[in-house]
Amino acid sequence: MALKLRLLALTTSLTALVAVSPVLAQPRSVEGRVDKLEKEMQAVQRKVFPGGAGQIIAPDVTPQAAPVQPVGSPASAPLADLTARVSAIESQVARLTGQVEESGFRLKQLEDANIKLTAQLQALQAQAAPPPQPEAAIEPQVFSVPAPPAATPPGRTGNAAASRPAVPAAKPVATPAASAARTQAVAAVEKPSTGNAPLDGYTYGFRLWTAKFYPEAEAQLEETLAKYPNDSVASRTANLLGRTYLDDKKPTQAAKVLFENYQKRPKGDRAAESLAWVGEALIQLNKPKDACLAYEELDSNFGTAMPANVRDMMTKGKVRAKCGA
């Protein structure tokens, strides 16, 4: 009877081991161990119960089978998730590092281009000789106009004409070709008298430029810009002065004035346009590479905020200068 009890306990232990063993071992090793245990159990039963015909006595207490979980799932899933997140962060850091390096490289290129363009314009300025100004051209002629004409370009207006200085008439340039007819034609150009001296000076220069009296327009705009360099109309005055130089076949002076206008008044209402005209002046000076630098500076600093007419100038100028070819 004691032997039977011991055999029953051994059977119970073997049954529990068979139930739990799939969780603890790999499939191949569990199979071999179970076969071995079954053979040993059958041998013991034949020895103890010769007439039992190989029957196995079931234990009174059967252990509950432990739920089978995938091997390594409690630890490997969080580790795999953490590894994936770290890999994603490393990829993002790599991408950001690449973007920062690329932006730094592009910024360095723009700075180099700006330095080169400034040096080129300074060299052009050193080569340019100022036009002669004879003493006979200094005598002013003052004309009084009661009201501003309808052709005045848009700008500020004022009512205090009596308290502001009047804009002197343009001085006809004294050259061998100057004549009484030209003097009378220049004098016929109406002067504004709104009381806003900076705007009146710009407007008068604009009318002289429109009438194609380029030397007189240059003198008028230069004087206005020298007196009111910080006025809101200064950006327009300097831009028109540069365009007048271009029309007067003086691209060197034009490039200098226009680039200085962009540098000194980067927020002015003609800053982008002046930089586009710098490109035009450099093309006329047969410096297409420098013109391309000016267009690159224009596109980089103004981009989508660039007026449509300025973008059109830049696009056509790049084609003429063969930028990117």
Foldseek 3Di string as FASTA:
>chain_A
DVVVVVLLVVVQVLQLCLLAVPQVDPPVVSVVVNVVVLVVNQVVCCVVPVPPVSDDDHHPDHDDRDDHDPPPVVPVPVVVVVVVVVVVVVVVVVVVVVVVVVVVVVVVVLVVLVVVLVVVLVVLVVVDDDDDADPQQPDWDADDDPADDPPQDDDDAAAPLVVADFQIFFGQGDDPPDDPVVVVVSVPQDFHRRRPVLSRLQRSLVSCVVVVVLVRSLVSLVVSCVVCVPDLCNLVSLLVNLVSCVVVVNLSVSLNSLVVSCVVCVPHPCNLVSLLVNLVSCVVVVNLVSSLSSLVNSCVPQPPVDDPVSVVSSVVSCVSSVPPD
